Amino acid sequence: MQVTMIDIQCEWVPGTMDQVKVRLPRGEQRVSLEQLRQVAGVDAVNELYLRGLISLPVSSRIEEAFSKLSSEP
């Protein structure tokens, strides 16, 4: 049976206050809090502060934005 991921999960990188671990369907990625805000918006950042873990709906726009971040120097 194949499991399909329906959300992108974001959580804090342990021991940091500005780094976020993003679990995408294609793998994990580490981004800054500012990068998360640029991609997902301020509401996502606020929810991350309150809950420590958030789920974003999988969309081609969000996946493409995170892909561009991973290819930046």
N, C-alpha and C. Protein backbone atom coordinates (compact mmCIF):
# COMPACT_ATOMS: atom_id res chain seq x y z
N MET A 1 0.83 -1.17 0.00
CA MET A 1 0.00 0.00 0.00
C MET A 1 0.89 1.24 0.00
N GLN A 2 0.53 2.23 -0.80
CA GLN A 2 1.29 3.46 -0.91
C GLN A 2 0.62 4.54 -0.07
N VAL A 3 1.43 5.27 0.72
CA VAL A 3 0.91 6.34 1.56
C VAL A 3 1.12 7.65 0.82
N THR A 4 0.08 8.46 0.75
CA THR A 4 0.16 9.74 0.07
C THR A 4 0.17 10.85 1.11
N MET A 5 1.18 11.73 1.01
CA MET A 5 1.25 12.86 1.93
C MET A 5 0.30 13.94 1.44
N ILE A 6 -0.57 14.40 2.33
CA ILE A 6 -1.53 15.42 1.91
C ILE A 6 -1.18 16.81 2.44
N ASP A 7 -0.19 16.89 3.32
CA ASP A 7 0.20 18.17 3.89
C ASP A 7 1.71 18.32 3.88
N ILE A 8 2.14 19.57 3.93
CA ILE A 8 3.54 19.90 4.15
C ILE A 8 3.65 20.26 5.61
N GLN A 9 4.51 19.58 6.35
CA GLN A 9 4.63 19.83 7.78
C GLN A 9 5.86 20.69 8.05
N CYS A 10 5.70 21.63 8.96
CA CYS A 10 6.79 22.52 9.36
C CYS A 10 6.90 22.50 10.87
N GLU A 11 8.14 22.40 11.36
CA GLU A 11 8.37 22.45 12.80
C GLU A 11 9.74 23.07 13.05
N TRP A 12 9.94 23.51 14.28
CA TRP A 12 11.21 24.13 14.64
C TRP A 12 12.34 23.13 14.56
N VAL A 13 13.51 23.58 14.14
CA VAL A 13 14.73 22.78 14.27
C VAL A 13 15.13 22.88 15.73
N PRO A 14 15.29 21.76 16.43
CA PRO A 14 15.61 21.80 17.85
C PRO A 14 16.85 22.66 18.14
N GLY A 15 16.75 23.47 19.18
CA GLY A 15 17.86 24.32 19.60
C GLY A 15 17.99 25.62 18.82
N THR A 16 17.05 25.91 17.94
CA THR A 16 17.10 27.16 17.19
C THR A 16 15.84 27.98 17.42
N MET A 17 15.93 29.24 17.10
CA MET A 17 14.76 30.11 17.20
C MET A 17 14.39 30.71 15.85
N ASP A 18 15.16 30.36 14.82
CA ASP A 18 14.89 30.96 13.51
C ASP A 18 15.05 29.97 12.36
N GLN A 19 15.12 28.68 12.66
CA GLN A 19 15.26 27.65 11.64
C GLN A 19 14.09 26.69 11.71
N VAL A 20 13.57 26.33 10.53
CA VAL A 20 12.37 25.50 10.44
C VAL A 20 12.66 24.29 9.57
N LYS A 21 12.24 23.12 10.04
CA LYS A 21 12.34 21.90 9.25
C LYS A 21 11.03 21.74 8.48
N VAL A 22 11.14 21.61 7.17
CA VAL A 22 9.96 21.48 6.30
C VAL A 22 9.97 20.08 5.71
N ARG A 23 8.87 19.34 5.92
CA ARG A 23 8.73 17.99 5.35
C ARG A 23 7.83 18.10 4.12
N LEU A 24 8.46 17.95 2.96
CA LEU A 24 7.76 18.01 1.68
C LEU A 24 7.55 16.59 1.17
N PRO A 25 6.65 16.40 0.21
CA PRO A 25 6.48 15.06 -0.36
C PRO A 25 7.79 14.48 -0.92
N ARG A 26 8.70 15.34 -1.38
CA ARG A 26 9.96 14.87 -1.97
C ARG A 26 11.11 14.79 -0.98
N GLY A 27 10.88 15.15 0.29
CA GLY A 27 11.93 15.06 1.29
C GLY A 27 11.90 16.23 2.25
N GLU A 28 12.91 16.26 3.16
CA GLU A 28 12.99 17.32 4.16
C GLU A 28 13.90 18.44 3.68
N GLN A 29 13.64 19.61 4.23
CA GLN A 29 14.42 20.79 3.89
C GLN A 29 14.46 21.70 5.11
N ARG A 30 15.55 22.40 5.29
CA ARG A 30 15.69 23.35 6.39
C ARG A 30 15.66 24.75 5.82
N VAL A 31 14.80 25.61 6.36
CA VAL A 31 14.68 26.98 5.88
C VAL A 31 14.69 27.93 7.07
N SER A 32 14.95 29.20 6.81
CA SER A 32 14.89 30.20 7.87
C SER A 32 13.42 30.57 8.12
N LEU A 33 13.18 31.17 9.24
CA LEU A 33 11.84 31.63 9.57
C LEU A 33 11.37 32.67 8.56
N GLU A 34 12.27 33.53 8.13
CA GLU A 34 11.93 34.55 7.14
C GLU A 34 11.54 33.91 5.80
N GLN A 35 12.25 32.86 5.41
CA GLN A 35 11.91 32.16 4.17
C GLN A 35 10.53 31.52 4.27
N LEU A 36 10.22 30.94 5.43
CA LEU A 36 8.89 30.37 5.63
C LEU A 36 7.82 31.45 5.50
N ARG A 37 8.08 32.61 6.08
CA ARG A 37 7.12 33.72 5.99
C ARG A 37 6.91 34.14 4.53
N GLN A 38 7.98 34.18 3.75
CA GLN A 38 7.87 34.57 2.35
C GLN A 38 7.03 33.58 1.55
N VAL A 39 7.18 32.30 1.86
CA VAL A 39 6.48 31.25 1.11
C VAL A 39 5.05 31.06 1.61
N ALA A 40 4.88 30.95 2.92
CA ALA A 40 3.58 30.56 3.47
C ALA A 40 2.79 31.69 4.10
N GLY A 41 3.44 32.81 4.37
CA GLY A 41 2.73 33.95 4.94
C GLY A 41 2.89 34.09 6.44
N VAL A 42 2.55 35.26 6.92
CA VAL A 42 2.72 35.58 8.33
C VAL A 42 1.80 34.74 9.22
N ASP A 43 0.62 34.37 8.73
CA ASP A 43 -0.28 33.54 9.54
C ASP A 43 0.34 32.18 9.85
N ALA A 44 1.07 31.62 8.90
CA ALA A 44 1.74 30.33 9.13
C ALA A 44 2.83 30.48 10.19
N VAL A 45 3.57 31.57 10.14
CA VAL A 45 4.61 31.82 11.15
C VAL A 45 3.98 31.99 12.53
N ASN A 46 2.89 32.75 12.61
CA ASN A 46 2.22 32.94 13.90
C ASN A 46 1.72 31.61 14.46
N GLU A 47 1.17 30.77 13.61
CA GLU A 47 0.70 29.46 14.06
C GLU A 47 1.85 28.59 14.53
N LEU A 48 2.99 28.67 13.83
CA LEU A 48 4.17 27.90 14.24
C LEU A 48 4.63 28.33 15.64
N TYR A 49 4.63 29.64 15.91
CA TYR A 49 4.98 30.12 17.25
C TYR A 49 4.03 29.57 18.30
N LEU A 50 2.74 29.51 17.99
CA LEU A 50 1.75 29.07 18.97
C LEU A 50 1.75 27.56 19.17
N ARG A 51 1.90 26.80 18.11
CA ARG A 51 1.74 25.34 18.20
C ARG A 51 3.05 24.57 18.13
N GLY A 52 4.06 25.13 17.48
CA GLY A 52 5.33 24.44 17.34
C GLY A 52 5.38 23.52 16.14
N LEU A 53 4.23 23.25 15.53
CA LEU A 53 4.13 22.38 14.36
C LEU A 53 2.94 22.84 13.54
N ILE A 54 3.13 23.01 12.25
CA ILE A 54 2.01 23.39 11.40
C ILE A 54 1.96 22.50 10.17
N SER A 55 0.79 22.43 9.57
CA SER A 55 0.59 21.70 8.32
C SER A 55 0.07 22.67 7.28
N LEU A 56 0.71 22.65 6.13
CA LEU A 56 0.29 23.47 5.00
C LEU A 56 -0.26 22.56 3.93
N PRO A 57 -1.28 22.98 3.21
CA PRO A 57 -1.78 22.13 2.12
C PRO A 57 -0.74 22.02 1.01
N VAL A 58 -0.64 20.84 0.45
CA VAL A 58 0.29 20.64 -0.67
C VAL A 58 -0.26 21.38 -1.88
N SER A 59 0.55 22.25 -2.44
CA SER A 59 0.18 22.93 -3.67
C SER A 59 1.44 23.10 -4.52
N SER A 60 1.25 23.18 -5.81
CA SER A 60 2.41 23.31 -6.69
C SER A 60 3.13 24.63 -6.42
N ARG A 61 2.40 25.68 -6.04
CA ARG A 61 3.03 26.98 -5.76
C ARG A 61 3.96 26.89 -4.56
N ILE A 62 3.49 26.25 -3.49
CA ILE A 62 4.31 26.13 -2.28
C ILE A 62 5.51 25.21 -2.53
N GLU A 63 5.28 24.08 -3.18
CA GLU A 63 6.40 23.18 -3.48
C GLU A 63 7.44 23.85 -4.35
N GLU A 64 7.00 24.59 -5.36
CA GLU A 64 7.93 25.29 -6.25
C GLU A 64 8.72 26.35 -5.48
N ALA A 65 8.06 27.06 -4.59
CA ALA A 65 8.74 28.10 -3.81
C ALA A 65 9.81 27.49 -2.91
N PHE A 66 9.50 26.37 -2.23
CA PHE A 66 10.51 25.71 -1.40
C PHE A 66 11.64 25.14 -2.25
N SER A 67 11.33 24.67 -3.45
CA SER A 67 12.36 24.16 -4.35
C SER A 67 13.33 25.26 -4.75
N LYS A 68 12.81 26.43 -5.02
CA LYS A 68 13.67 27.57 -5.37
C LYS A 68 14.57 27.95 -4.19
N LEU A 69 14.05 27.86 -2.97
CA LEU A 69 14.85 28.18 -1.80
C LEU A 69 16.00 27.21 -1.65
N SER A 70 15.77 25.94 -1.91
CA SER A 70 16.81 24.94 -1.74
C SER A 70 17.90 25.07 -2.80
N SER A 71 17.60 25.70 -3.93
CA SER A 71 18.61 25.86 -4.98
C SER A 71 19.36 27.17 -4.88
N GLU A 72 18.96 28.07 -3.95
CA GLU A 72 19.68 29.33 -3.76
C GLU A 72 20.96 29.07 -3.02
N PRO A 73 22.01 29.86 -3.31
CA PRO A 73 23.30 29.67 -2.61
C PRO A 73 23.25 30.04 -1.17
